[in-house]
């Protein structure tokens, strides 16, 4: 799980494997695989860095496309 900050300043934990897409409008909106949308204060770069670090910590450094 990675932490994100909602617009109200509360910390929220999400499973990065469930993020389908990210869009800045101008706030960062995460669309989850379930269709739920979460608007966060984090920048796209910050969130991508957290996802990369999370994947390193669990031993997934690359995603192979077959």
C-alpha atoms as a PDB file:
ATOM      1  CA  UNK A   1       0.000   0.000   0.000  1.00  0.00           C
ATOM      2  CA  UNK A   2       1.089   3.574  -0.615  1.00  0.00           C
ATOM      3  CA  UNK A   3      -0.090   6.683   1.164  1.00  0.00           C
ATOM      4  CA  UNK A   4      -1.745   9.562  -0.668  1.00  0.00           C
ATOM      5  CA  UNK A   5      -3.070  12.827   0.717  1.00  0.00           C
ATOM      6  CA  UNK A   6      -6.672  13.699   0.021  1.00  0.00           C
ATOM      7  CA  UNK A   7      -7.664  17.315  -0.582  1.00  0.00           C
ATOM      8  CA  UNK A   8      -8.842  17.646   3.034  1.00  0.00           C
ATOM      9  CA  UNK A   9      -5.314  16.768   4.240  1.00  0.00           C
ATOM     10  CA  UNK A  10      -6.157  13.268   5.456  1.00  0.00           C
ATOM     11  CA  UNK A  11      -3.811  10.419   4.623  1.00  0.00           C
ATOM     12  CA  UNK A  12      -5.402   7.606   2.637  1.00  0.00           C
ATOM     13  CA  UNK A  13      -3.821   4.263   1.725  1.00  0.00           C
ATOM     14  CA  UNK A  14      -4.298   2.697  -1.701  1.00  0.00           C
ATOM     15  CA  UNK A  15      -3.088  -0.451  -3.399  1.00  0.00           C
ATOM     16  CA  UNK A  16      -0.969   0.836  -6.305  1.00  0.00           C
ATOM     17  CA  UNK A  17      -1.774  -2.294  -8.322  1.00  0.00           C
ATOM     18  CA  UNK A  18      -5.407  -1.156  -8.402  1.00  0.00           C
ATOM     19  CA  UNK A  19      -4.681   2.240 -10.014  1.00  0.00           C
ATOM     20  CA  UNK A  20      -5.880   2.179 -13.603  1.00  0.00           C
ATOM     21  CA  UNK A  21      -4.989   5.754 -14.562  1.00  0.00           C
ATOM     22  CA  UNK A  22      -3.975   9.175 -13.246  1.00  0.00           C
ATOM     23  CA  UNK A  23      -5.138  12.509 -14.629  1.00  0.00           C
ATOM     24  CA  UNK A  24      -4.387  16.086 -13.602  1.00  0.00           C
ATOM     25  CA  UNK A  25      -7.471  18.309 -13.844  1.00  0.00           C
ATOM     26  CA  UNK A  26      -5.702  20.371 -12.174  1.00  0.00           C
ATOM     27  CA  UNK A  27      -5.758  18.159  -9.050  1.00  0.00           C
ATOM     28  CA  UNK A  28      -4.503  14.614  -9.466  1.00  0.00           C
ATOM     29  CA  UNK A  29      -7.406  12.206  -9.977  1.00  0.00           C
ATOM     30  CA  UNK A  30      -6.741   8.493  -9.566  1.00  0.00           C
ATOM     31  CA  UNK A  31      -9.111   6.139 -11.325  1.00  0.00           C
ATOM     32  CA  UNK A  32      -9.102   2.737  -9.680  1.00  0.00           C
ATOM     33  CA  UNK A  33      -9.862  -0.546 -11.460  1.00  0.00           C
ATOM     34  CA  UNK A  34     -13.207  -0.580  -9.631  1.00  0.00           C
ATOM     35  CA  UNK A  35     -14.128   2.708 -11.341  1.00  0.00           C
ATOM     36  CA  UNK A  36     -13.850   4.697  -8.118  1.00  0.00           C
ATOM     37  CA  UNK A  37     -12.117   8.062  -8.448  1.00  0.00           C
ATOM     38  CA  UNK A  38      -9.882   9.515  -5.728  1.00  0.00           C
ATOM     39  CA  UNK A  39      -8.675  13.132  -5.892  1.00  0.00           C
ATOM     40  CA  UNK A  40      -5.344  13.705  -4.137  1.00  0.00           C
ATOM     41  CA  UNK A  41      -2.910  16.547  -3.398  1.00  0.00           C
ATOM     42  CA  UNK A  42       0.136  14.517  -4.439  1.00  0.00           C
ATOM     43  CA  UNK A  43       1.908  15.407  -7.663  1.00  0.00           C
ATOM     44  CA  UNK A  44       2.079  12.785 -10.434  1.00  0.00           C
ATOM     45  CA  UNK A  45       5.874  12.550 -10.011  1.00  0.00           C
ATOM     46  CA  UNK A  46       5.557  12.028  -6.261  1.00  0.00           C
ATOM     47  CA  UNK A  47       2.985   9.302  -6.729  1.00  0.00           C
ATOM     48  CA  UNK A  48       4.987   7.542  -9.457  1.00  0.00           C
ATOM     49  CA  UNK A  49       8.076   7.625  -7.193  1.00  0.00           C
ATOM     50  CA  UNK A  50       6.031   6.046  -4.371  1.00  0.00           C
ATOM     51  CA  UNK A  51       4.777   3.318  -6.705  1.00  0.00           C
ATOM     52  CA  UNK A  52       8.317   2.557  -7.917  1.00  0.00           C
ATOM     53  CA  UNK A  53       9.605   2.392  -4.330  1.00  0.00           C
ATOM     54  CA  UNK A  54       6.697   0.141  -3.308  1.00  0.00           C
ATOM     55  CA  UNK A  55       7.415  -2.224  -6.204  1.00  0.00           C
ATOM     56  CA  UNK A  56      11.109  -2.349  -5.269  1.00  0.00           C
ATOM     57  CA  UNK A  57      10.207  -3.153  -1.665  1.00  0.00           C
ATOM     58  CA  UNK A  58       8.094  -6.135  -2.689  1.00  0.00           C
ATOM     59  CA  UNK A  59      10.657  -7.365  -5.221  1.00  0.00           C
ATOM     60  CA  UNK A  60       9.029  -6.238  -8.469  1.00  0.00           C
ATOM     61  CA  UNK A  61      11.471  -4.034 -10.312  1.00  0.00           C
ATOM     62  CA  UNK A  62      10.206  -4.434 -13.848  1.00  0.00           C
ATOM     63  CA  UNK A  63       6.937  -5.341 -15.432  1.00  0.00           C
ATOM     64  CA  UNK A  64       7.287  -7.630 -18.405  1.00  0.00           C
ATOM     65  CA  UNK A  65       4.820  -7.353 -21.212  1.00  0.00           C
ATOM     66  CA  UNK A  66       4.286 -10.602 -23.078  1.00  0.00           C
END
